[in-house]
Amino acid sequence: MVLLGEVCVMAKAGRPKQDIIRDKIISIRMLQEEYDEIKSYADSTNKTVTEVMMDGAKKLMEEVFGKEE
């Protein structure tokens, strides 16, 4: 909080802006058992489900299209 004369200015709350903006969403349907496996793996590796799915997608693209350097 900063006082400017008689006006009190509060800092903006929320997450700071990132350099990379991820604004695209992919939604998939899966069985509860499949989700539980992915969630269990994510928890055991201290990752989010999104990070696990992104890692899997990157690995698949590397296998199909080759490594990008």
C-alpha atoms as a PDB file:
ATOM      1  CA  MET A   1       0.000   0.000   0.000  1.00  0.00           C
ATOM      2  CA  VAL A   2       1.322   3.411  -0.971  1.00  0.00           C
ATOM      3  CA  LEU A   3      -0.006   6.740   0.262  1.00  0.00           C
ATOM      4  CA  LEU A   4      -0.034   9.495  -2.341  1.00  0.00           C
ATOM      5  CA  GLY A   5      -1.266  12.635  -0.651  1.00  0.00           C
ATOM      6  CA  GLU A   6      -4.811  11.791   0.449  1.00  0.00           C
ATOM      7  CA  VAL A   7      -5.148   8.804  -1.908  1.00  0.00           C
ATOM      8  CA  CYS A   8      -4.285   5.255  -0.863  1.00  0.00           C
ATOM      9  CA  VAL A   9      -3.061   3.138  -3.819  1.00  0.00           C
ATOM     10  CA  MET A  10      -3.125  -0.652  -3.459  1.00  0.00           C
ATOM     11  CA  ALA A  11      -0.918  -2.985  -5.473  1.00  0.00           C
ATOM     12  CA  LYS A  12      -2.742  -5.231  -7.929  1.00  0.00           C
ATOM     13  CA  ALA A  13      -3.525  -8.657  -6.534  1.00  0.00           C
ATOM     14  CA  GLY A  14      -3.264 -11.930  -8.425  1.00  0.00           C
ATOM     15  CA  ARG A  15      -0.634 -13.786 -10.347  1.00  0.00           C
ATOM     16  CA  PRO A  16       2.075 -11.806 -12.092  1.00  0.00           C
ATOM     17  CA  LYS A  17       1.953 -11.764 -15.888  1.00  0.00           C
ATOM     18  CA  GLN A  18       4.130 -14.317 -17.638  1.00  0.00           C
ATOM     19  CA  ASP A  19       6.208 -13.847 -20.777  1.00  0.00           C
ATOM     20  CA  ILE A  20       4.522 -16.858 -22.396  1.00  0.00           C
ATOM     21  CA  ILE A  21       0.751 -16.629 -22.559  1.00  0.00           C
ATOM     22  CA  ARG A  22      -1.023 -19.976 -22.736  1.00  0.00           C
ATOM     23  CA  ASP A  23      -4.548 -19.113 -23.815  1.00  0.00           C
ATOM     24  CA  LYS A  24      -5.473 -22.224 -25.823  1.00  0.00           C
ATOM     25  CA  ILE A  25      -7.474 -24.973 -24.128  1.00  0.00           C
ATOM     26  CA  ILE A  26      -7.748 -28.637 -25.102  1.00  0.00           C
ATOM     27  CA  SER A  27     -10.395 -30.724 -23.386  1.00  0.00           C
ATOM     28  CA  ILE A  28     -10.458 -34.520 -23.497  1.00  0.00           C
ATOM     29  CA  ARG A  29     -12.751 -37.151 -22.072  1.00  0.00           C
ATOM     30  CA  MET A  30     -11.267 -40.098 -20.235  1.00  0.00           C
ATOM     31  CA  LEU A  31     -12.260 -42.863 -17.906  1.00  0.00           C
ATOM     32  CA  GLN A  32     -11.998 -42.229 -14.176  1.00  0.00           C
ATOM     33  CA  GLU A  33      -9.301 -44.918 -13.984  1.00  0.00           C
ATOM     34  CA  GLU A  34      -7.226 -43.150 -16.656  1.00  0.00           C
ATOM     35  CA  TYR A  35      -7.534 -39.840 -14.833  1.00  0.00           C
ATOM     36  CA  ASP A  36      -6.609 -41.484 -11.526  1.00  0.00           C
ATOM     37  CA  GLU A  37      -3.439 -42.922 -13.087  1.00  0.00           C
ATOM     38  CA  ILE A  38      -2.421 -39.555 -14.534  1.00  0.00           C
ATOM     39  CA  LYS A  39      -3.228 -37.758 -11.267  1.00  0.00           C
ATOM     40  CA  SER A  40      -1.283 -40.344  -9.253  1.00  0.00           C
ATOM     41  CA  TYR A  41       1.741 -39.931 -11.542  1.00  0.00           C
ATOM     42  CA  ALA A  42       1.479 -36.143 -11.309  1.00  0.00           C
ATOM     43  CA  ASP A  43       1.351 -36.277  -7.520  1.00  0.00           C
ATOM     44  CA  SER A  44       4.317 -38.663  -7.311  1.00  0.00           C
ATOM     45  CA  THR A  45       6.454 -36.397  -9.517  1.00  0.00           C
ATOM     46  CA  ASN A  46       5.284 -33.114  -7.917  1.00  0.00           C
ATOM     47  CA  LYS A  47       3.793 -31.942 -11.216  1.00  0.00           C
ATOM     48  CA  THR A  48       0.347 -30.758 -12.190  1.00  0.00           C
ATOM     49  CA  VAL A  49      -1.902 -32.820 -14.448  1.00  0.00           C
ATOM     50  CA  THR A  50      -1.365 -30.143 -17.109  1.00  0.00           C
ATOM     51  CA  GLU A  51       2.425 -30.493 -16.854  1.00  0.00           C
ATOM     52  CA  VAL A  52       2.150 -34.287 -17.187  1.00  0.00           C
ATOM     53  CA  MET A  53      -0.102 -33.994 -20.250  1.00  0.00           C
ATOM     54  CA  MET A  54       2.192 -31.355 -21.847  1.00  0.00           C
ATOM     55  CA  ASP A  55       5.244 -33.573 -21.211  1.00  0.00           C
ATOM     56  CA  GLY A  56       3.432 -36.490 -22.869  1.00  0.00           C
ATOM     57  CA  ALA A  57       2.420 -34.388 -25.866  1.00  0.00           C
ATOM     58  CA  LYS A  58       5.982 -33.091 -26.294  1.00  0.00           C
ATOM     59  CA  LYS A  59       7.393 -36.627 -26.101  1.00  0.00           C
ATOM     60  CA  LEU A  60       4.918 -37.857 -28.719  1.00  0.00           C
ATOM     61  CA  MET A  61       5.709 -34.952 -31.062  1.00  0.00           C
ATOM     62  CA  GLU A  62       9.456 -35.623 -30.681  1.00  0.00           C
ATOM     63  CA  GLU A  63       8.899 -39.262 -31.630  1.00  0.00           C
ATOM     64  CA  VAL A  64       6.747 -38.383 -34.632  1.00  0.00           C
ATOM     65  CA  PHE A  65       8.514 -35.269 -35.918  1.00  0.00           C
ATOM     66  CA  GLY A  66      12.012 -35.715 -34.489  1.00  0.00           C
ATOM     67  CA  LYS A  67      13.803 -33.605 -31.942  1.00  0.00           C
ATOM     68  CA  GLU A  68      13.796 -29.867 -32.493  1.00  0.00           C
ATOM     69  CA  GLU A  69      17.063 -28.118 -31.694  1.00  0.00           C
END
